[in-house]
């Protein structure tokens, strides 16, 4: 069925609601107030439904208007994304790609993939946002990035399995926890300082924190690892990140009754999967391929 309402009319409706009135909507769209009023009136007439009702001096959405507003928002946004996708194909190459990477992902692996991608797309600018926990979720939800590598898939998104990362509970060999003769319980761990990396998002999630009596929080994982090597506390770290410290003896795995290690699944997520351009898709393919090549034992 051929649509009876134009995108311009739906945009007028959105602008009236978002701007808070016809005059403000006209200013926001660079049109006359009469043209905005006509567009909304035409929309109501053609659809035979009231979108606004007058309450005092204000025009507020009717129940039908609320539903149409939400659907119109999706329609206009998708129309914009279609045009953006077409522009990318017309240009042949996206000028800039932004990627969010959870800091638990191996640096050498992401750099390896970015190097190969840059060789194939030398004109494309890359921006890497290093995130922790919900910081990756928020980057996707706010459309701040084109693609993300994360351990959590936000609601409304779909991810492709990438690899598993093994976390290990460790402390410096001289730490009091290593002086116990028998495996440690979580209750014993809680009596000691736990090292934690702060969530980079606004929700400040405490993934892995045992509610220990003492906690030392860092915004950078490398600093947290350095603190552990100096005996400032215990922590669960990605095994790949501390392999050198384990081999050198600066860190030693804790003997626990349970939970000595845990596996975390990493996923590749597009912020706009249906409208990801060829360059973004190429980066995603490179990341997946490099993971399978370099980490076949943990690739999923």
C-alpha atoms as a PDB file:
ATOM      1  CA  UNK A   1       0.000   0.000   0.000  1.00  0.00           C
ATOM      2  CA  UNK A   2       1.329   3.413  -0.946  1.00  0.00           C
ATOM      3  CA  UNK A   3       1.790   5.594   2.180  1.00  0.00           C
ATOM      4  CA  UNK A   4      -0.594   8.553   2.452  1.00  0.00           C
ATOM      5  CA  UNK A   5       1.600  10.441   4.941  1.00  0.00           C
ATOM      6  CA  UNK A   6       4.960  11.845   3.928  1.00  0.00           C
ATOM      7  CA  UNK A   7       8.133  11.736   6.018  1.00  0.00           C
ATOM      8  CA  UNK A   8       7.976  15.515   6.211  1.00  0.00           C
ATOM      9  CA  UNK A   9       4.574  15.319   7.902  1.00  0.00           C
ATOM     10  CA  UNK A  10       5.804  12.724  10.387  1.00  0.00           C
ATOM     11  CA  UNK A  11       8.836  14.936  11.091  1.00  0.00           C
ATOM     12  CA  UNK A  12       6.507  17.850  11.786  1.00  0.00           C
ATOM     13  CA  UNK A  13       4.628  15.748  14.350  1.00  0.00           C
ATOM     14  CA  UNK A  14       7.885  14.707  16.035  1.00  0.00           C
ATOM     15  CA  UNK A  15       9.153  18.275  16.104  1.00  0.00           C
ATOM     16  CA  UNK A  16       5.988  19.626  17.761  1.00  0.00           C
ATOM     17  CA  UNK A  17       6.309  17.047  20.544  1.00  0.00           C
ATOM     18  CA  UNK A  18      10.082  17.264  20.967  1.00  0.00           C
ATOM     19  CA  UNK A  19      10.273  21.056  20.793  1.00  0.00           C
ATOM     20  CA  UNK A  20       7.230  21.574  22.979  1.00  0.00           C
ATOM     21  CA  UNK A  21       4.975  23.481  20.591  1.00  0.00           C
ATOM     22  CA  UNK A  22       4.277  24.626  17.048  1.00  0.00           C
ATOM     23  CA  UNK A  23       6.382  27.788  17.216  1.00  0.00           C
ATOM     24  CA  UNK A  24       9.430  25.996  18.625  1.00  0.00           C
ATOM     25  CA  UNK A  25       8.975  23.157  16.101  1.00  0.00           C
ATOM     26  CA  UNK A  26       8.895  25.663  13.227  1.00  0.00           C
ATOM     27  CA  UNK A  27      12.134  27.218  14.469  1.00  0.00           C
ATOM     28  CA  UNK A  28      13.782  23.809  14.889  1.00  0.00           C
ATOM     29  CA  UNK A  29      12.868  22.737  11.340  1.00  0.00           C
ATOM     30  CA  UNK A  30      13.474  26.134   9.746  1.00  0.00           C
ATOM     31  CA  UNK A  31       9.882  26.389   8.537  1.00  0.00           C
ATOM     32  CA  UNK A  32       6.930  28.696   9.136  1.00  0.00           C
ATOM     33  CA  UNK A  33       4.548  27.937  11.979  1.00  0.00           C
ATOM     34  CA  UNK A  34       1.656  27.784   9.530  1.00  0.00           C
ATOM     35  CA  UNK A  35       3.399  25.058   7.488  1.00  0.00           C
ATOM     36  CA  UNK A  36       3.918  22.960  10.634  1.00  0.00           C
ATOM     37  CA  UNK A  37       0.277  23.391  11.642  1.00  0.00           C
ATOM     38  CA  UNK A  38      -0.846  22.464   8.123  1.00  0.00           C
ATOM     39  CA  UNK A  39       1.354  19.330   8.067  1.00  0.00           C
ATOM     40  CA  UNK A  40      -0.002  18.055  11.384  1.00  0.00           C
ATOM     41  CA  UNK A  41      -3.567  18.960  10.431  1.00  0.00           C
ATOM     42  CA  UNK A  42      -3.204  17.165   7.096  1.00  0.00           C
ATOM     43  CA  UNK A  43      -1.854  14.106   8.914  1.00  0.00           C
ATOM     44  CA  UNK A  44      -4.862  14.032  11.251  1.00  0.00           C
ATOM     45  CA  UNK A  45      -7.268  14.555   8.367  1.00  0.00           C
ATOM     46  CA  UNK A  46      -5.855  11.809   6.153  1.00  0.00           C
ATOM     47  CA  UNK A  47      -5.604   9.293   9.019  1.00  0.00           C
ATOM     48  CA  UNK A  48      -8.949  10.374  10.476  1.00  0.00           C
ATOM     49  CA  UNK A  49      -7.521  10.363  14.001  1.00  0.00           C
ATOM     50  CA  UNK A  50      -6.851  13.077  16.539  1.00  0.00           C
ATOM     51  CA  UNK A  51      -3.139  13.270  17.417  1.00  0.00           C
ATOM     52  CA  UNK A  52      -3.330  16.235  19.801  1.00  0.00           C
ATOM     53  CA  UNK A  53      -5.898  17.455  22.282  1.00  0.00           C
ATOM     54  CA  UNK A  54      -5.966  20.854  23.973  1.00  0.00           C
ATOM     55  CA  UNK A  55      -5.477  20.981  27.726  1.00  0.00           C
ATOM     56  CA  UNK A  56      -5.497  24.549  28.927  1.00  0.00           C
ATOM     57  CA  UNK A  57      -3.102  26.339  26.612  1.00  0.00           C
ATOM     58  CA  UNK A  58      -1.118  23.238  25.749  1.00  0.00           C
ATOM     59  CA  UNK A  59      -1.533  20.685  23.002  1.00  0.00           C
ATOM     60  CA  UNK A  60      -0.829  17.218  24.372  1.00  0.00           C
ATOM     61  CA  UNK A  61      -0.762  13.844  22.656  1.00  0.00           C
ATOM     62  CA  UNK A  62      -3.867  11.699  22.702  1.00  0.00           C
ATOM     63  CA  UNK A  63      -3.506   7.979  23.415  1.00  0.00           C
ATOM     64  CA  UNK A  64      -3.468   7.342  19.671  1.00  0.00           C
ATOM     65  CA  UNK A  65      -0.995  10.188  19.254  1.00  0.00           C
ATOM     66  CA  UNK A  66       1.407   8.616  21.733  1.00  0.00           C
ATOM     67  CA  UNK A  67       1.465   5.365  19.763  1.00  0.00           C
ATOM     68  CA  UNK A  68       1.861   7.142  16.425  1.00  0.00           C
ATOM     69  CA  UNK A  69       4.630   9.324  17.851  1.00  0.00           C
ATOM     70  CA  UNK A  70       6.700   6.295  18.876  1.00  0.00           C
ATOM     71  CA  UNK A  71       6.201   4.572  15.520  1.00  0.00           C
ATOM     72  CA  UNK A  72       6.976   7.799  13.662  1.00  0.00           C
ATOM     73  CA  UNK A  73      10.213   8.157  15.625  1.00  0.00           C
ATOM     74  CA  UNK A  74      11.323   4.708  14.463  1.00  0.00           C
ATOM     75  CA  UNK A  75      10.235   5.436  10.883  1.00  0.00           C
ATOM     76  CA  UNK A  76      12.138   8.712  10.603  1.00  0.00           C
ATOM     77  CA  UNK A  77      15.261   7.278  12.247  1.00  0.00           C
ATOM     78  CA  UNK A  78      15.272   4.282   9.900  1.00  0.00           C
ATOM     79  CA  UNK A  79      14.814   6.539   6.886  1.00  0.00           C
ATOM     80  CA  UNK A  80      17.877   8.477   7.971  1.00  0.00           C
ATOM     81  CA  UNK A  81      19.887   5.291   8.449  1.00  0.00           C
ATOM     82  CA  UNK A  82      18.909   4.042   4.980  1.00  0.00           C
ATOM     83  CA  UNK A  83      20.175   7.285   3.440  1.00  0.00           C
ATOM     84  CA  UNK A  84      23.396   7.057   5.456  1.00  0.00           C
ATOM     85  CA  UNK A  85      23.930   3.469   4.326  1.00  0.00           C
ATOM     86  CA  UNK A  86      23.332   4.451   0.702  1.00  0.00           C
ATOM     87  CA  UNK A  87      25.840   7.288   1.045  1.00  0.00           C
ATOM     88  CA  UNK A  88      28.448   4.830   2.322  1.00  0.00           C
ATOM     89  CA  UNK A  89      27.953   2.563  -0.661  1.00  0.00           C
ATOM     90  CA  UNK A  90      28.069   5.548  -3.008  1.00  0.00           C
ATOM     91  CA  UNK A  91      31.353   6.711  -1.475  1.00  0.00           C
ATOM     92  CA  UNK A  92      32.736   3.177  -1.594  1.00  0.00           C
ATOM     93  CA  UNK A  93      34.312   3.482   1.831  1.00  0.00           C
ATOM     94  CA  UNK A  94      33.245   4.845   5.217  1.00  0.00           C
ATOM     95  CA  UNK A  95      35.485   7.720   6.281  1.00  0.00           C
ATOM     96  CA  UNK A  96      35.515   6.877   9.990  1.00  0.00           C
ATOM     97  CA  UNK A  97      34.689   3.814  12.066  1.00  0.00           C
ATOM     98  CA  UNK A  98      34.333   3.879  15.846  1.00  0.00           C
ATOM     99  CA  UNK A  99      34.736   0.757  17.943  1.00  0.00           C
ATOM    100  CA  UNK A 100      34.234   0.121  21.666  1.00  0.00           C
ATOM    101  CA  UNK A 101      36.426  -2.586  23.192  1.00  0.00           C
ATOM    102  CA  UNK A 102      36.025  -3.940  26.707  1.00  0.00           C
ATOM    103  CA  UNK A 103      39.401  -3.716  28.433  1.00  0.00           C
ATOM    104  CA  UNK A 104      39.399  -7.438  29.241  1.00  0.00           C
ATOM    105  CA  UNK A 105      39.905  -8.181  25.534  1.00  0.00           C
ATOM    106  CA  UNK A 106      43.591  -8.843  24.650  1.00  0.00           C
ATOM    107  CA  UNK A 107      45.280  -5.634  23.446  1.00  0.00           C
ATOM    108  CA  UNK A 108      47.640  -7.455  21.096  1.00  0.00           C
ATOM    109  CA  UNK A 109      44.710  -9.138  19.358  1.00  0.00           C
ATOM    110  CA  UNK A 110      42.704  -5.958  18.761  1.00  0.00           C
ATOM    111  CA  UNK A 111      45.848  -4.160  17.545  1.00  0.00           C
ATOM    112  CA  UNK A 112      46.659  -7.043  15.217  1.00  0.00           C
ATOM    113  CA  UNK A 113      43.168  -6.865  13.696  1.00  0.00           C
ATOM    114  CA  UNK A 114      43.228  -3.067  13.420  1.00  0.00           C
ATOM    115  CA  UNK A 115      46.582  -3.205  11.640  1.00  0.00           C
ATOM    116  CA  UNK A 116      45.250  -5.607   9.003  1.00  0.00           C
ATOM    117  CA  UNK A 117      42.081  -3.562   8.579  1.00  0.00           C
ATOM    118  CA  UNK A 118      44.104  -0.330   8.211  1.00  0.00           C
ATOM    119  CA  UNK A 119      46.262  -1.936   5.528  1.00  0.00           C
ATOM    120  CA  UNK A 120      43.120  -2.795   3.542  1.00  0.00           C
ATOM    121  CA  UNK A 121      41.330   0.515   4.233  1.00  0.00           C
ATOM    122  CA  UNK A 122      44.126   3.102   4.507  1.00  0.00           C
ATOM    123  CA  UNK A 123      41.772   6.082   4.078  1.00  0.00           C
ATOM    124  CA  UNK A 124      39.482   5.065   6.942  1.00  0.00           C
ATOM    125  CA  UNK A 125      39.987   6.770  10.304  1.00  0.00           C
ATOM    126  CA  UNK A 126      39.620   4.529  13.352  1.00  0.00           C
ATOM    127  CA  UNK A 127      38.603   5.566  16.846  1.00  0.00           C
ATOM    128  CA  UNK A 128      38.883   3.045  19.679  1.00  0.00           C
ATOM    129  CA  UNK A 129      36.910   3.566  22.889  1.00  0.00           C
ATOM    130  CA  UNK A 130      38.208   1.440  25.767  1.00  0.00           C
ATOM    131  CA  UNK A 131      35.344   0.525  28.074  1.00  0.00           C
ATOM    132  CA  UNK A 132      34.497  -1.486  31.190  1.00  0.00           C
ATOM    133  CA  UNK A 133      31.231  -3.367  31.777  1.00  0.00           C
ATOM    134  CA  UNK A 134      28.193  -1.097  31.189  1.00  0.00           C
ATOM    135  CA  UNK A 135      30.371   1.524  29.478  1.00  0.00           C
ATOM    136  CA  UNK A 136      30.210  -0.672  26.385  1.00  0.00           C
ATOM    137  CA  UNK A 137      26.427  -1.005  26.705  1.00  0.00           C
ATOM    138  CA  UNK A 138      26.019   2.753  26.849  1.00  0.00           C
ATOM    139  CA  UNK A 139      28.289   3.344  23.855  1.00  0.00           C
ATOM    140  CA  UNK A 140      26.033   1.026  21.828  1.00  0.00           C
ATOM    141  CA  UNK A 141      22.751   2.411  23.151  1.00  0.00           C
ATOM    142  CA  UNK A 142      23.839   5.990  22.451  1.00  0.00           C
ATOM    143  CA  UNK A 143      25.092   5.032  18.971  1.00  0.00           C
ATOM    144  CA  UNK A 144      28.509   6.433  19.875  1.00  0.00           C
ATOM    145  CA  UNK A 145      30.242   3.529  18.140  1.00  0.00           C
ATOM    146  CA  UNK A 146      29.643   1.435  15.025  1.00  0.00           C
ATOM    147  CA  UNK A 147      30.777  -1.844  16.511  1.00  0.00           C
ATOM    148  CA  UNK A 148      31.665  -3.212  19.954  1.00  0.00           C
ATOM    149  CA  UNK A 149      33.497  -6.103  21.564  1.00  0.00           C
ATOM    150  CA  UNK A 150      31.806  -6.826  24.860  1.00  0.00           C
ATOM    151  CA  UNK A 151      30.944  -9.470  27.437  1.00  0.00           C
ATOM    152  CA  UNK A 152      27.365  -8.223  27.827  1.00  0.00           C
ATOM    153  CA  UNK A 153      24.849  -7.817  24.997  1.00  0.00           C
ATOM    154  CA  UNK A 154      22.425  -4.962  25.726  1.00  0.00           C
ATOM    155  CA  UNK A 155      18.696  -5.557  25.314  1.00  0.00           C
ATOM    156  CA  UNK A 156      17.633  -4.975  21.730  1.00  0.00           C
ATOM    157  CA  UNK A 157      20.995  -5.944  20.220  1.00  0.00           C
ATOM    158  CA  UNK A 158      22.318  -9.198  18.801  1.00  0.00           C
ATOM    159  CA  UNK A 159      25.901 -10.372  19.087  1.00  0.00           C
ATOM    160  CA  UNK A 160      28.095 -12.945  17.393  1.00  0.00           C
ATOM    161  CA  UNK A 161      30.226 -15.192  19.662  1.00  0.00           C
ATOM    162  CA  UNK A 162      33.879 -14.216  19.439  1.00  0.00           C
ATOM    163  CA  UNK A 163      36.010 -15.878  22.120  1.00  0.00           C
ATOM    164  CA  UNK A 164      36.173 -16.943  25.755  1.00  0.00           C
ATOM    165  CA  UNK A 165      38.406 -15.203  28.294  1.00  0.00           C
ATOM    166  CA  UNK A 166      39.551 -17.038  31.410  1.00  0.00           C
ATOM    167  CA  UNK A 167      39.693 -15.060  34.654  1.00  0.00           C
ATOM    168  CA  UNK A 168      41.984 -16.298  37.445  1.00  0.00           C
ATOM    169  CA  UNK A 169      41.995 -15.383  41.141  1.00  0.00           C
ATOM    170  CA  UNK A 170      45.514 -14.236  42.057  1.00  0.00           C
ATOM    171  CA  UNK A 171      47.603 -12.387  44.613  1.00  0.00           C
ATOM    172  CA  UNK A 172      51.298 -11.692  45.236  1.00  0.00           C
ATOM    173  CA  UNK A 173      53.106 -14.814  46.559  1.00  0.00           C
ATOM    174  CA  UNK A 174      53.769 -13.049  49.898  1.00  0.00           C
ATOM    175  CA  UNK A 175      50.135 -12.066  50.369  1.00  0.00           C
ATOM    176  CA  UNK A 176      48.583 -13.502  53.589  1.00  0.00           C
ATOM    177  CA  UNK A 177      46.045 -15.452  51.534  1.00  0.00           C
ATOM    178  CA  UNK A 178      48.860 -17.628  50.214  1.00  0.00           C
ATOM    179  CA  UNK A 179      49.950 -18.523  53.747  1.00  0.00           C
ATOM    180  CA  UNK A 180      46.832 -20.635  54.390  1.00  0.00           C
ATOM    181  CA  UNK A 181      47.312 -24.406  54.534  1.00  0.00           C
ATOM    182  CA  UNK A 182      43.932 -25.311  53.023  1.00  0.00           C
ATOM    183  CA  UNK A 183      41.841 -24.011  50.112  1.00  0.00           C
ATOM    184  CA  UNK A 184      40.197 -20.668  50.765  1.00  0.00           C
ATOM    185  CA  UNK A 185      36.487 -19.979  51.044  1.00  0.00           C
ATOM    186  CA  UNK A 186      34.784 -16.801  49.839  1.00  0.00           C
ATOM    187  CA  UNK A 187      34.234 -15.872  53.491  1.00  0.00           C
ATOM    188  CA  UNK A 188      38.015 -15.885  54.030  1.00  0.00           C
ATOM    189  CA  UNK A 189      38.552 -13.798  50.900  1.00  0.00           C
ATOM    190  CA  UNK A 190      36.106 -11.145  52.117  1.00  0.00           C
ATOM    191  CA  UNK A 191      38.373 -10.373  55.073  1.00  0.00           C
ATOM    192  CA  UNK A 192      41.050  -9.093  52.684  1.00  0.00           C
ATOM    193  CA  UNK A 193      41.272  -6.173  50.254  1.00  0.00           C
ATOM    194  CA  UNK A 194      39.906  -6.873  46.790  1.00  0.00           C
ATOM    195  CA  UNK A 195      41.157  -4.967  43.774  1.00  0.00           C
ATOM    196  CA  UNK A 196      38.391  -3.844  41.403  1.00  0.00           C
ATOM    197  CA  UNK A 197      38.307  -2.028  38.060  1.00  0.00           C
ATOM    198  CA  UNK A 198      35.602   0.640  37.964  1.00  0.00           C
ATOM    199  CA  UNK A 199      32.727   0.364  35.520  1.00  0.00           C
ATOM    200  CA  UNK A 200      33.234   3.066  32.874  1.00  0.00           C
ATOM    201  CA  UNK A 201      29.463   3.471  32.454  1.00  0.00           C
ATOM    202  CA  UNK A 202      27.089   5.513  34.580  1.00  0.00           C
ATOM    203  CA  UNK A 203      25.521   2.451  36.205  1.00  0.00           C
ATOM    204  CA  UNK A 204      28.723   1.540  38.086  1.00  0.00           C
ATOM    205  CA  UNK A 205      28.215  -2.225  38.051  1.00  0.00           C
ATOM    206  CA  UNK A 206      30.315  -4.292  40.484  1.00  0.00           C
ATOM    207  CA  UNK A 207      30.851  -7.460  38.463  1.00  0.00           C
ATOM    208  CA  UNK A 208      32.976  -9.954  40.407  1.00  0.00           C
ATOM    209  CA  UNK A 209      33.133  -7.932  43.639  1.00  0.00           C
ATOM    210  CA  UNK A 210      32.685 -10.167  46.701  1.00  0.00           C
ATOM    211  CA  UNK A 211      31.646  -7.282  48.974  1.00  0.00           C
ATOM    212  CA  UNK A 212      34.994  -7.602  50.696  1.00  0.00           C
ATOM    213  CA  UNK A 213      35.552  -5.515  53.829  1.00  0.00           C
ATOM    214  CA  UNK A 214      38.147  -3.474  51.984  1.00  0.00           C
ATOM    215  CA  UNK A 215      38.097  -2.555  48.327  1.00  0.00           C
ATOM    216  CA  UNK A 216      40.618  -0.692  46.195  1.00  0.00           C
ATOM    217  CA  UNK A 217      39.086   0.568  42.939  1.00  0.00           C
ATOM    218  CA  UNK A 218      40.952   1.643  39.827  1.00  0.00           C
ATOM    219  CA  UNK A 219      39.790   3.043  36.502  1.00  0.00           C
ATOM    220  CA  UNK A 220      42.564   1.208  34.632  1.00  0.00           C
ATOM    221  CA  UNK A 221      43.170  -2.548  34.663  1.00  0.00           C
ATOM    222  CA  UNK A 222      46.923  -2.227  34.195  1.00  0.00           C
ATOM    223  CA  UNK A 223      47.156  -0.127  37.367  1.00  0.00           C
ATOM    224  CA  UNK A 224      45.074  -2.698  39.217  1.00  0.00           C
ATOM    225  CA  UNK A 225      47.436  -5.462  38.049  1.00  0.00           C
ATOM    226  CA  UNK A 226      50.435  -3.405  39.179  1.00  0.00           C
ATOM    227  CA  UNK A 227      48.815  -2.997  42.598  1.00  0.00           C
ATOM    228  CA  UNK A 228      48.375  -6.771  42.852  1.00  0.00           C
ATOM    229  CA  UNK A 229      52.060  -7.362  42.035  1.00  0.00           C
ATOM    230  CA  UNK A 230      52.912  -5.091  44.990  1.00  0.00           C
ATOM    231  CA  UNK A 231      50.760  -7.087  47.381  1.00  0.00           C
ATOM    232  CA  UNK A 232      47.986  -4.503  47.775  1.00  0.00           C
ATOM    233  CA  UNK A 233      45.200  -7.043  47.412  1.00  0.00           C
ATOM    234  CA  UNK A 234      43.730  -9.978  45.529  1.00  0.00           C
ATOM    235  CA  UNK A 235      41.709  -9.948  42.306  1.00  0.00           C
ATOM    236  CA  UNK A 236      40.365 -11.925  39.379  1.00  0.00           C
ATOM    237  CA  UNK A 237      42.222 -10.902  36.233  1.00  0.00           C
ATOM    238  CA  UNK A 238      42.060 -12.148  32.626  1.00  0.00           C
ATOM    239  CA  UNK A 239      44.752 -14.813  32.472  1.00  0.00           C
ATOM    240  CA  UNK A 240      46.053 -13.421  29.181  1.00  0.00           C
ATOM    241  CA  UNK A 241      46.635 -10.008  30.792  1.00  0.00           C
ATOM    242  CA  UNK A 242      48.786 -11.364  33.639  1.00  0.00           C
ATOM    243  CA  UNK A 243      50.606 -14.229  31.937  1.00  0.00           C
ATOM    244  CA  UNK A 244      54.007 -12.549  32.248  1.00  0.00           C
ATOM    245  CA  UNK A 245      53.432 -11.863  35.938  1.00  0.00           C
ATOM    246  CA  UNK A 246      52.401 -15.486  36.498  1.00  0.00           C
ATOM    247  CA  UNK A 247      55.473 -16.764  34.653  1.00  0.00           C
ATOM    248  CA  UNK A 248      57.794 -14.425  36.577  1.00  0.00           C
ATOM    249  CA  UNK A 249      56.233 -15.294  39.921  1.00  0.00           C
ATOM    250  CA  UNK A 250      55.007 -11.791  40.746  1.00  0.00           C
ATOM    251  CA  UNK A 251      51.463 -13.165  40.875  1.00  0.00           C
ATOM    252  CA  UNK A 252      50.318 -16.584  42.019  1.00  0.00           C
ATOM    253  CA  UNK A 253      46.905 -18.258  41.585  1.00  0.00           C
ATOM    254  CA  UNK A 254      44.898 -18.532  44.798  1.00  0.00           C
ATOM    255  CA  UNK A 255      43.775 -21.963  45.942  1.00  0.00           C
ATOM    256  CA  UNK A 256      40.013 -21.643  46.420  1.00  0.00           C
ATOM    257  CA  UNK A 257      37.365 -24.152  47.394  1.00  0.00           C
ATOM    258  CA  UNK A 258      35.372 -22.929  44.368  1.00  0.00           C
ATOM    259  CA  UNK A 259      35.523 -20.191  41.757  1.00  0.00           C
ATOM    260  CA  UNK A 260      39.300 -20.186  41.312  1.00  0.00           C
ATOM    261  CA  UNK A 261      38.707 -19.390  37.659  1.00  0.00           C
ATOM    262  CA  UNK A 262      35.768 -18.458  35.467  1.00  0.00           C
ATOM    263  CA  UNK A 263      35.119 -18.080  31.761  1.00  0.00           C
ATOM    264  CA  UNK A 264      33.628 -14.964  30.178  1.00  0.00           C
ATOM    265  CA  UNK A 265      32.167 -15.019  26.667  1.00  0.00           C
ATOM    266  CA  UNK A 266      33.057 -12.085  24.408  1.00  0.00           C
ATOM    267  CA  UNK A 267      30.744 -10.980  21.615  1.00  0.00           C
ATOM    268  CA  UNK A 268      30.937  -8.859  18.503  1.00  0.00           C
ATOM    269  CA  UNK A 269      27.994  -6.433  18.327  1.00  0.00           C
ATOM    270  CA  UNK A 270      27.007  -3.941  15.629  1.00  0.00           C
ATOM    271  CA  UNK A 271      25.244  -0.828  16.884  1.00  0.00           C
ATOM    272  CA  UNK A 272      23.018  -0.822  13.785  1.00  0.00           C
ATOM    273  CA  UNK A 273      23.222  -4.359  12.474  1.00  0.00           C
ATOM    274  CA  UNK A 274      20.699  -3.890   9.664  1.00  0.00           C
ATOM    275  CA  UNK A 275      22.389  -0.696   8.472  1.00  0.00           C
ATOM    276  CA  UNK A 276      26.075  -1.445   8.998  1.00  0.00           C
ATOM    277  CA  UNK A 277      27.975  -0.267   5.939  1.00  0.00           C
ATOM    278  CA  UNK A 278      30.561  -2.287   4.002  1.00  0.00           C
ATOM    279  CA  UNK A 279      33.500  -0.766   5.862  1.00  0.00           C
ATOM    280  CA  UNK A 280      32.031  -1.535   9.289  1.00  0.00           C
ATOM    281  CA  UNK A 281      31.217  -5.068   8.141  1.00  0.00           C
ATOM    282  CA  UNK A 282      34.784  -5.453   6.900  1.00  0.00           C
ATOM    283  CA  UNK A 283      36.138  -4.497  10.328  1.00  0.00           C
ATOM    284  CA  UNK A 284      33.809  -6.977  12.020  1.00  0.00           C
ATOM    285  CA  UNK A 285      34.906  -9.723   9.640  1.00  0.00           C
ATOM    286  CA  UNK A 286      38.570  -8.917  10.283  1.00  0.00           C
ATOM    287  CA  UNK A 287      38.074  -9.090  14.064  1.00  0.00           C
ATOM    288  CA  UNK A 288      36.316 -12.454  13.823  1.00  0.00           C
ATOM    289  CA  UNK A 289      38.887 -13.882  11.427  1.00  0.00           C
ATOM    290  CA  UNK A 290      41.877 -12.746  13.487  1.00  0.00           C
ATOM    291  CA  UNK A 291      40.362 -14.225  16.644  1.00  0.00           C
ATOM    292  CA  UNK A 292      39.877 -17.599  14.979  1.00  0.00           C
ATOM    293  CA  UNK A 293      43.396 -17.520  13.539  1.00  0.00           C
ATOM    294  CA  UNK A 294      45.280 -16.333  16.621  1.00  0.00           C
ATOM    295  CA  UNK A 295      43.179 -17.907  19.392  1.00  0.00           C
ATOM    296  CA  UNK A 296      41.691 -21.130  17.971  1.00  0.00           C
ATOM    297  CA  UNK A 297      41.499 -22.762  21.420  1.00  0.00           C
ATOM    298  CA  UNK A 298      39.185 -20.098  22.874  1.00  0.00           C
ATOM    299  CA  UNK A 299      37.375 -18.873  19.755  1.00  0.00           C
ATOM    300  CA  UNK A 300      33.641 -19.637  19.848  1.00  0.00           C
END
